[in-house]
Amino acid sequence: MIGDERHFSDELGNFWEDAGGSRMAGRVLGALLLAEPREMSSSELATLLGISAASVSTATRELIRPGLVRRVRVPGRREDHFVATMGANMTGFITSRLALAQRWMELMLRGEQLAEGKDPAIRDQLVEIRSFYEFLAEEQAGMLARWEQRQRERRRPA
């Protein structure tokens, strides 16, 4: 990997870790976003980033779940290959975030029910968390609708 590209992967790894993911997943995503050809094998990623095969496996699982990376088969090759799909799948990524917000709301509602009869501060905290995630889900849904509209307008023939 060219020095600047390796630096990009490292920076993305640090950002990813700050955002709550694993540094290794961010590094792998960075490598895949710049990969040419677009598909990279597990061993190519391990060699390129100087990491173990186990680290590649863990990182790619983290990236596959929200639809940022996809496992692909390359004809004539037995090893798994991966391709970054984040740019082509922003709708799927936001949709997965909406599903997580919904799960948070459901969990906090259950917590509110369990907090009945306890110190009101306990229930108030759970209500505040649920309220925030309700707000977040509404905003993300609106953001997704605006993004999809922007994409339709951008793709319209002039």
N, C-alpha and C. Protein backbone atom coordinates (compact mmCIF):
# COMPACT_ATOMS: atom_id res chain seq x y z
N MET A 1 0.85 -1.18 0.00
CA MET A 1 0.00 0.00 0.00
C MET A 1 0.89 1.23 0.00
N ILE A 2 0.55 2.16 -0.82
CA ILE A 2 1.30 3.41 -0.87
C ILE A 2 1.20 4.06 0.50
N GLY A 3 2.27 4.76 0.92
CA GLY A 3 2.33 5.36 2.25
C GLY A 3 1.11 6.20 2.61
N ASP A 4 0.67 7.04 1.67
CA ASP A 4 -0.49 7.89 1.95
C ASP A 4 -1.76 7.06 2.14
N GLU A 5 -1.89 5.99 1.38
CA GLU A 5 -3.06 5.13 1.50
C GLU A 5 -3.03 4.37 2.84
N ARG A 6 -1.86 3.93 3.23
CA ARG A 6 -1.72 3.25 4.53
C ARG A 6 -2.06 4.23 5.65
N HIS A 7 -1.59 5.48 5.50
CA HIS A 7 -1.89 6.50 6.49
C HIS A 7 -3.40 6.76 6.57
N PHE A 8 -4.06 6.79 5.40
CA PHE A 8 -5.51 6.96 5.34
C PHE A 8 -6.20 5.83 6.12
N SER A 9 -5.77 4.59 5.89
CA SER A 9 -6.36 3.45 6.59
C SER A 9 -6.16 3.56 8.09
N ASP A 10 -4.98 3.97 8.50
CA ASP A 10 -4.70 4.15 9.93
C ASP A 10 -5.57 5.25 10.52
N GLU A 11 -5.69 6.36 9.80
CA GLU A 11 -6.54 7.46 10.28
C GLU A 11 -8.00 7.03 10.38
N LEU A 12 -8.46 6.29 9.38
CA LEU A 12 -9.84 5.81 9.41
C LEU A 12 -10.02 4.84 10.58
N GLY A 13 -9.00 4.04 10.86
CA GLY A 13 -9.05 3.15 12.02
C GLY A 13 -9.19 3.91 13.32
N ASN A 14 -8.44 4.98 13.47
CA ASN A 14 -8.53 5.80 14.68
C ASN A 14 -9.90 6.46 14.79
N PHE A 15 -10.40 6.98 13.66
CA PHE A 15 -11.72 7.59 13.66
C PHE A 15 -12.78 6.56 14.03
N TRP A 16 -12.69 5.38 13.42
CA TRP A 16 -13.68 4.32 13.65
C TRP A 16 -13.71 3.95 15.14
N GLU A 17 -12.53 3.88 15.73
CA GLU A 17 -12.44 3.55 17.15
C GLU A 17 -13.08 4.66 17.99
N ASP A 18 -12.80 5.92 17.66
CA ASP A 18 -13.41 7.05 18.37
C ASP A 18 -14.93 7.03 18.24
N ALA A 19 -15.43 6.52 17.11
CA ALA A 19 -16.87 6.46 16.86
C ALA A 19 -17.53 5.23 17.49
N GLY A 20 -16.74 4.38 18.16
CA GLY A 20 -17.32 3.25 18.87
C GLY A 20 -17.07 1.89 18.26
N GLY A 21 -16.39 1.84 17.12
CA GLY A 21 -16.07 0.56 16.51
C GLY A 21 -14.66 0.14 16.89
N SER A 22 -14.19 -0.88 16.23
CA SER A 22 -12.81 -1.31 16.50
C SER A 22 -11.87 -0.63 15.51
N ARG A 23 -10.69 -0.31 15.97
CA ARG A 23 -9.70 0.33 15.12
C ARG A 23 -9.40 -0.55 13.90
N MET A 24 -9.31 -1.85 14.12
CA MET A 24 -8.98 -2.76 13.03
C MET A 24 -10.04 -2.72 11.94
N ALA A 25 -11.31 -2.65 12.31
CA ALA A 25 -12.38 -2.58 11.30
C ALA A 25 -12.24 -1.30 10.48
N GLY A 26 -11.91 -0.20 11.13
CA GLY A 26 -11.70 1.04 10.40
C GLY A 26 -10.53 0.96 9.44
N ARG A 27 -9.47 0.31 9.87
CA ARG A 27 -8.30 0.15 8.99
C ARG A 27 -8.66 -0.71 7.77
N VAL A 28 -9.39 -1.80 8.01
CA VAL A 28 -9.81 -2.67 6.90
C VAL A 28 -10.73 -1.91 5.96
N LEU A 29 -11.68 -1.15 6.50
CA LEU A 29 -12.57 -0.36 5.66
C LEU A 29 -11.76 0.62 4.82
N GLY A 30 -10.79 1.28 5.43
CA GLY A 30 -9.95 2.22 4.70
C GLY A 30 -9.23 1.55 3.54
N ALA A 31 -8.68 0.37 3.78
CA ALA A 31 -7.98 -0.37 2.72
C ALA A 31 -8.94 -0.75 1.60
N LEU A 32 -10.14 -1.21 1.97
CA LEU A 32 -11.10 -1.64 0.95
C LEU A 32 -11.67 -0.46 0.16
N LEU A 33 -11.82 0.69 0.79
CA LEU A 33 -12.33 1.86 0.08
C LEU A 33 -11.38 2.31 -1.03
N LEU A 34 -10.08 2.05 -0.85
CA LEU A 34 -9.09 2.46 -1.84
C LEU A 34 -8.58 1.31 -2.71
N ALA A 35 -9.11 0.11 -2.49
CA ALA A 35 -8.59 -1.08 -3.17
C ALA A 35 -8.83 -1.03 -4.67
N GLU A 36 -7.79 -1.43 -5.41
CA GLU A 36 -7.88 -1.57 -6.85
C GLU A 36 -7.06 -2.77 -7.26
N PRO A 37 -7.67 -3.84 -7.74
CA PRO A 37 -9.10 -3.99 -7.96
C PRO A 37 -9.87 -3.92 -6.64
N ARG A 38 -11.19 -3.74 -6.73
CA ARG A 38 -12.02 -3.49 -5.56
C ARG A 38 -12.06 -4.65 -4.58
N GLU A 39 -11.90 -5.88 -5.05
CA GLU A 39 -11.95 -7.05 -4.18
C GLU A 39 -10.58 -7.32 -3.58
N MET A 40 -10.55 -7.59 -2.30
CA MET A 40 -9.30 -7.98 -1.64
C MET A 40 -9.56 -9.24 -0.83
N SER A 41 -8.59 -10.16 -0.86
CA SER A 41 -8.73 -11.39 -0.09
C SER A 41 -8.34 -11.13 1.36
N SER A 42 -8.71 -12.05 2.23
CA SER A 42 -8.34 -11.96 3.64
C SER A 42 -6.83 -11.87 3.79
N SER A 43 -6.10 -12.71 3.06
CA SER A 43 -4.64 -12.71 3.19
C SER A 43 -4.03 -11.43 2.64
N GLU A 44 -4.62 -10.88 1.57
CA GLU A 44 -4.12 -9.61 1.04
C GLU A 44 -4.31 -8.49 2.06
N LEU A 45 -5.47 -8.47 2.70
CA LEU A 45 -5.71 -7.46 3.74
C LEU A 45 -4.75 -7.62 4.90
N ALA A 46 -4.54 -8.86 5.33
CA ALA A 46 -3.63 -9.12 6.46
C ALA A 46 -2.22 -8.66 6.13
N THR A 47 -1.75 -8.99 4.94
CA THR A 47 -0.40 -8.61 4.53
C THR A 47 -0.29 -7.09 4.39
N LEU A 48 -1.25 -6.51 3.72
CA LEU A 48 -1.25 -5.07 3.47
C LEU A 48 -1.22 -4.25 4.75
N LEU A 49 -2.04 -4.68 5.73
CA LEU A 49 -2.16 -3.91 6.97
C LEU A 49 -1.24 -4.40 8.07
N GLY A 50 -0.55 -5.52 7.84
CA GLY A 50 0.34 -6.07 8.85
C GLY A 50 -0.40 -6.57 10.07
N ILE A 51 -1.52 -7.28 9.81
CA ILE A 51 -2.35 -7.79 10.89
C ILE A 51 -2.58 -9.28 10.69
N SER A 52 -3.13 -9.92 11.70
CA SER A 52 -3.36 -11.37 11.63
C SER A 52 -4.62 -11.69 10.84
N ALA A 53 -4.71 -12.93 10.38
CA ALA A 53 -5.90 -13.39 9.67
C ALA A 53 -7.12 -13.32 10.59
N ALA A 54 -6.92 -13.60 11.88
CA ALA A 54 -8.02 -13.51 12.85
C ALA A 54 -8.53 -12.08 12.97
N SER A 55 -7.62 -11.12 12.94
CA SER A 55 -8.03 -9.71 13.01
C SER A 55 -8.84 -9.32 11.78
N VAL A 56 -8.43 -9.80 10.62
CA VAL A 56 -9.19 -9.53 9.39
C VAL A 56 -10.58 -10.12 9.51
N SER A 57 -10.67 -11.34 9.99
CA SER A 57 -11.96 -12.01 10.13
C SER A 57 -12.89 -11.24 11.06
N THR A 58 -12.38 -10.85 12.21
CA THR A 58 -13.18 -10.10 13.18
C THR A 58 -13.61 -8.75 12.60
N ALA A 59 -12.68 -8.07 11.95
CA ALA A 59 -12.96 -6.74 11.38
C ALA A 59 -14.00 -6.82 10.26
N THR A 60 -13.86 -7.80 9.38
CA THR A 60 -14.81 -7.89 8.27
C THR A 60 -16.21 -8.25 8.78
N ARG A 61 -16.31 -9.07 9.81
CA ARG A 61 -17.63 -9.37 10.40
C ARG A 61 -18.28 -8.10 10.92
N GLU A 62 -17.48 -7.25 11.57
CA GLU A 62 -18.00 -5.98 12.09
C GLU A 62 -18.50 -5.08 10.97
N LEU A 63 -17.85 -5.13 9.83
CA LEU A 63 -18.21 -4.27 8.70
C LEU A 63 -19.33 -4.85 7.84
N ILE A 64 -19.45 -6.17 7.82
CA ILE A 64 -20.50 -6.82 7.03
C ILE A 64 -21.87 -6.59 7.67
N ARG A 65 -21.94 -6.68 9.00
CA ARG A 65 -23.22 -6.54 9.71
C ARG A 65 -24.02 -5.31 9.27
N PRO A 66 -23.44 -4.11 9.31
CA PRO A 66 -24.23 -2.93 8.89
C PRO A 66 -24.22 -2.67 7.39
N GLY A 67 -23.64 -3.58 6.60
CA GLY A 67 -23.66 -3.44 5.15
C GLY A 67 -22.60 -2.53 4.57
N LEU A 68 -21.49 -2.37 5.27
CA LEU A 68 -20.42 -1.51 4.78
C LEU A 68 -19.43 -2.26 3.90
N VAL A 69 -19.38 -3.57 4.07
CA VAL A 69 -18.49 -4.45 3.32
C VAL A 69 -19.30 -5.69 2.96
N ARG A 70 -18.98 -6.28 1.83
CA ARG A 70 -19.65 -7.49 1.39
C ARG A 70 -18.61 -8.55 1.06
N ARG A 71 -18.91 -9.79 1.43
CA ARG A 71 -18.06 -10.94 1.07
C ARG A 71 -18.41 -11.32 -0.36
N VAL A 72 -17.39 -11.50 -1.19
CA VAL A 72 -17.61 -11.87 -2.59
C VAL A 72 -16.75 -13.07 -2.95
N ARG A 73 -17.21 -13.78 -3.95
CA ARG A 73 -16.44 -14.91 -4.49
C ARG A 73 -15.73 -14.45 -5.75
N VAL A 74 -14.48 -14.80 -5.86
CA VAL A 74 -13.71 -14.49 -7.06
C VAL A 74 -13.49 -15.81 -7.78
N PRO A 75 -13.93 -15.90 -9.04
CA PRO A 75 -13.78 -17.16 -9.78
C PRO A 75 -12.34 -17.67 -9.76
N GLY A 76 -12.21 -18.94 -9.48
CA GLY A 76 -10.89 -19.57 -9.46
C GLY A 76 -10.12 -19.38 -8.16
N ARG A 77 -10.68 -18.67 -7.21
CA ARG A 77 -10.00 -18.43 -5.92
C ARG A 77 -10.86 -19.03 -4.82
N ARG A 78 -10.22 -19.72 -3.90
CA ARG A 78 -10.95 -20.38 -2.81
C ARG A 78 -11.14 -19.45 -1.61
N GLU A 79 -10.25 -18.52 -1.45
CA GLU A 79 -10.25 -17.64 -0.28
C GLU A 79 -11.37 -16.59 -0.37
N ASP A 80 -11.91 -16.21 0.79
CA ASP A 80 -12.90 -15.14 0.82
C ASP A 80 -12.27 -13.83 0.37
N HIS A 81 -13.05 -13.07 -0.36
CA HIS A 81 -12.65 -11.73 -0.79
C HIS A 81 -13.72 -10.76 -0.27
N PHE A 82 -13.33 -9.51 -0.13
CA PHE A 82 -14.23 -8.50 0.41
C PHE A 82 -14.18 -7.26 -0.46
N VAL A 83 -15.30 -6.56 -0.50
CA VAL A 83 -15.39 -5.32 -1.25
C VAL A 83 -16.16 -4.31 -0.40
N ALA A 84 -15.71 -3.06 -0.41
CA ALA A 84 -16.41 -1.99 0.31
C ALA A 84 -17.70 -1.67 -0.42
N THR A 85 -18.80 -1.60 0.31
CA THR A 85 -20.10 -1.28 -0.27
C THR A 85 -20.71 -0.05 0.40
N MET A 86 -19.96 0.58 1.29
CA MET A 86 -20.49 1.68 2.08
C MET A 86 -21.08 2.78 1.21
N GLY A 87 -20.33 3.24 0.22
CA GLY A 87 -20.79 4.34 -0.64
C GLY A 87 -22.05 3.99 -1.41
N ALA A 88 -22.18 2.76 -1.82
CA ALA A 88 -23.34 2.33 -2.59
C ALA A 88 -24.49 1.91 -1.69
N ASN A 89 -24.27 1.90 -0.38
CA ASN A 89 -25.28 1.37 0.54
C ASN A 89 -25.56 2.31 1.70
N MET A 90 -25.52 3.59 1.48
CA MET A 90 -25.79 4.52 2.58
C MET A 90 -27.21 4.35 3.11
N THR A 91 -28.16 4.05 2.22
CA THR A 91 -29.54 3.82 2.65
C THR A 91 -29.60 2.63 3.60
N GLY A 92 -28.93 1.54 3.25
CA GLY A 92 -28.91 0.37 4.12
C GLY A 92 -28.24 0.65 5.44
N PHE A 93 -27.19 1.44 5.41
CA PHE A 93 -26.47 1.79 6.64
C PHE A 93 -27.38 2.58 7.58
N ILE A 94 -28.06 3.59 7.06
CA ILE A 94 -28.96 4.40 7.90
C ILE A 94 -30.13 3.55 8.38
N THR A 95 -30.64 2.67 7.53
CA THR A 95 -31.73 1.79 7.93
C THR A 95 -31.30 0.89 9.08
N SER A 96 -30.06 0.41 9.04
CA SER A 96 -29.57 -0.43 10.15
C SER A 96 -29.46 0.40 11.43
N ARG A 97 -29.10 1.67 11.31
CA ARG A 97 -29.04 2.57 12.48
C ARG A 97 -30.43 2.81 13.04
N LEU A 98 -31.43 2.93 12.15
CA LEU A 98 -32.81 3.09 12.61
C LEU A 98 -33.27 1.87 13.39
N ALA A 99 -32.90 0.70 12.92
CA ALA A 99 -33.27 -0.54 13.63
C ALA A 99 -32.63 -0.58 15.02
N LEU A 100 -31.39 -0.12 15.11
CA LEU A 100 -30.73 -0.07 16.42
C LEU A 100 -31.41 0.92 17.35
N ALA A 101 -31.80 2.07 16.82
CA ALA A 101 -32.51 3.06 17.64
C ALA A 101 -33.83 2.47 18.15
N GLN A 102 -34.51 1.72 17.29
CA GLN A 102 -35.77 1.08 17.69
C GLN A 102 -35.53 0.09 18.82
N ARG A 103 -34.46 -0.68 18.73
CA ARG A 103 -34.14 -1.64 19.80
C ARG A 103 -33.85 -0.92 21.11
N TRP A 104 -33.10 0.20 21.04
CA TRP A 104 -32.82 0.99 22.24
C TRP A 104 -34.12 1.46 22.87
N MET A 105 -35.04 1.98 22.05
CA MET A 105 -36.31 2.47 22.58
C MET A 105 -37.08 1.36 23.28
N GLU A 106 -37.12 0.20 22.67
CA GLU A 106 -37.83 -0.94 23.27
C GLU A 106 -37.19 -1.36 24.58
N LEU A 107 -35.86 -1.40 24.61
CA LEU A 107 -35.16 -1.77 25.85
C LEU A 107 -35.40 -0.75 26.96
N MET A 108 -35.36 0.52 26.62
CA MET A 108 -35.56 1.56 27.64
C MET A 108 -36.99 1.55 28.14
N LEU A 109 -37.95 1.28 27.26
CA LEU A 109 -39.35 1.16 27.68
C LEU A 109 -39.51 0.01 28.67
N ARG A 110 -38.86 -1.09 28.38
CA ARG A 110 -38.89 -2.23 29.30
C ARG A 110 -38.25 -1.85 30.64
N GLY A 111 -37.13 -1.12 30.56
CA GLY A 111 -36.48 -0.65 31.78
C GLY A 111 -37.38 0.27 32.58
N GLU A 112 -38.13 1.15 31.89
CA GLU A 112 -39.05 2.05 32.58
C GLU A 112 -40.09 1.24 33.37
N GLN A 113 -40.59 0.19 32.74
CA GLN A 113 -41.58 -0.65 33.41
C GLN A 113 -40.96 -1.33 34.64
N LEU A 114 -39.73 -1.77 34.51
CA LEU A 114 -39.04 -2.43 35.63
C LEU A 114 -38.70 -1.44 36.74
N ALA A 115 -38.61 -0.16 36.39
CA ALA A 115 -38.25 0.87 37.37
C ALA A 115 -39.45 1.39 38.16
N GLU A 116 -40.65 0.94 37.81
CA GLU A 116 -41.84 1.37 38.55
C GLU A 116 -41.66 1.05 40.03
N GLY A 117 -41.95 2.02 40.87
CA GLY A 117 -41.84 1.83 42.32
C GLY A 117 -40.44 2.09 42.86
N LYS A 118 -39.48 2.36 41.99
CA LYS A 118 -38.12 2.67 42.43
C LYS A 118 -37.95 4.19 42.52
N ASP A 119 -36.80 4.61 42.93
CA ASP A 119 -36.45 6.04 42.97
C ASP A 119 -36.82 6.66 41.63
N PRO A 120 -37.60 7.75 41.60
CA PRO A 120 -38.01 8.37 40.33
C PRO A 120 -36.83 8.74 39.43
N ALA A 121 -35.67 9.01 39.99
CA ALA A 121 -34.50 9.37 39.17
C ALA A 121 -34.10 8.22 38.25
N ILE A 122 -34.32 7.00 38.69
CA ILE A 122 -33.98 5.82 37.87
C ILE A 122 -34.88 5.80 36.64
N ARG A 123 -36.18 5.93 36.87
CA ARG A 123 -37.12 5.92 35.75
C ARG A 123 -36.90 7.13 34.85
N ASP A 124 -36.66 8.30 35.43
CA ASP A 124 -36.44 9.52 34.65
C ASP A 124 -35.26 9.36 33.70
N GLN A 125 -34.22 8.71 34.15
CA GLN A 125 -33.05 8.49 33.29
C GLN A 125 -33.41 7.61 32.09
N LEU A 126 -34.17 6.57 32.34
CA LEU A 126 -34.59 5.67 31.26
C LEU A 126 -35.52 6.38 30.28
N VAL A 127 -36.42 7.22 30.82
CA VAL A 127 -37.33 7.99 29.95
C VAL A 127 -36.52 8.93 29.07
N GLU A 128 -35.52 9.58 29.65
CA GLU A 128 -34.68 10.51 28.88
C GLU A 128 -33.94 9.80 27.75
N ILE A 129 -33.41 8.62 28.04
CA ILE A 129 -32.70 7.85 27.00
C ILE A 129 -33.67 7.46 25.90
N ARG A 130 -34.84 6.95 26.28
CA ARG A 130 -35.84 6.55 25.28
C ARG A 130 -36.27 7.75 24.45
N SER A 131 -36.50 8.87 25.10
CA SER A 131 -36.92 10.08 24.39
C SER A 131 -35.87 10.51 23.38
N PHE A 132 -34.61 10.43 23.77
CA PHE A 132 -33.54 10.80 22.84
C PHE A 132 -33.54 9.87 21.63
N TYR A 133 -33.68 8.57 21.85
CA TYR A 133 -33.65 7.64 20.72
C TYR A 133 -34.90 7.77 19.85
N GLU A 134 -36.04 8.16 20.43
CA GLU A 134 -37.22 8.45 19.61
C GLU A 134 -36.91 9.64 18.69
N PHE A 135 -36.33 10.68 19.28
CA PHE A 135 -35.94 11.86 18.50
C PHE A 135 -34.95 11.47 17.41
N LEU A 136 -33.93 10.69 17.78
CA LEU A 136 -32.90 10.27 16.83
C LEU A 136 -33.52 9.48 15.68
N ALA A 137 -34.43 8.55 15.99
CA ALA A 137 -35.07 7.74 14.95
C ALA A 137 -35.88 8.62 14.00
N GLU A 138 -36.61 9.60 14.55
CA GLU A 138 -37.39 10.51 13.71
C GLU A 138 -36.47 11.32 12.80
N GLU A 139 -35.38 11.82 13.36
CA GLU A 139 -34.43 12.61 12.57
C GLU A 139 -33.76 11.76 11.50
N GLN A 140 -33.37 10.54 11.86
CA GLN A 140 -32.72 9.66 10.89
C GLN A 140 -33.68 9.29 9.76
N ALA A 141 -34.94 9.05 10.10
CA ALA A 141 -35.93 8.72 9.07
C ALA A 141 -36.10 9.89 8.11
N GLY A 142 -36.16 11.11 8.65
CA GLY A 142 -36.26 12.29 7.81
C GLY A 142 -35.01 12.49 6.97
N MET A 143 -33.87 12.27 7.59
CA MET A 143 -32.60 12.40 6.89
C MET A 143 -32.52 11.39 5.74
N LEU A 144 -32.96 10.18 6.00
CA LEU A 144 -32.95 9.14 4.97
C LEU A 144 -33.86 9.53 3.81
N ALA A 145 -35.02 10.04 4.10
CA ALA A 145 -35.94 10.46 3.04
C ALA A 145 -35.32 11.58 2.21
N ARG A 146 -34.68 12.55 2.87
CA ARG A 146 -34.04 13.65 2.13
C ARG A 146 -32.86 13.13 1.30
N TRP A 147 -32.11 12.19 1.84
CA TRP A 147 -30.98 11.61 1.11
C TRP A 147 -31.47 10.89 -0.15
N GLU A 148 -32.51 10.08 0.01
CA GLU A 148 -33.04 9.35 -1.14
C GLU A 148 -33.57 10.31 -2.20
N GLN A 149 -34.21 11.41 -1.77
CA GLN A 149 -34.69 12.42 -2.71
C GLN A 149 -33.51 13.06 -3.44
N ARG A 150 -32.47 13.38 -2.71
CA ARG A 150 -31.27 13.98 -3.32
C ARG A 150 -30.66 13.03 -4.34
N GLN A 151 -30.61 11.75 -4.01
CA GLN A 151 -30.05 10.76 -4.94
C GLN A 151 -30.89 10.65 -6.20
N ARG A 152 -32.23 10.67 -6.05
CA ARG A 152 -33.11 10.62 -7.22
C ARG A 152 -32.88 11.84 -8.11
N GLU A 153 -32.76 13.01 -7.51
CA GLU A 153 -32.53 14.23 -8.28
C GLU A 153 -31.18 14.20 -8.98
N ARG A 154 -30.17 13.70 -8.30
CA ARG A 154 -28.83 13.63 -8.87
C ARG A 154 -28.77 12.68 -10.06
N ARG A 155 -29.55 11.62 -10.02
CA ARG A 155 -29.53 10.61 -11.08
C ARG A 155 -30.45 10.95 -12.26
N ARG A 156 -31.31 11.95 -12.06
CA ARG A 156 -32.23 12.35 -13.13
C ARG A 156 -31.45 12.88 -14.32
N PRO A 157 -31.82 12.43 -15.52
CA PRO A 157 -31.12 12.95 -16.70
C PRO A 157 -31.39 14.46 -16.84
N ALA A 158 -30.38 15.16 -17.28
CA ALA A 158 -30.50 16.63 -17.42
C ALA A 158 -31.24 17.02 -18.66
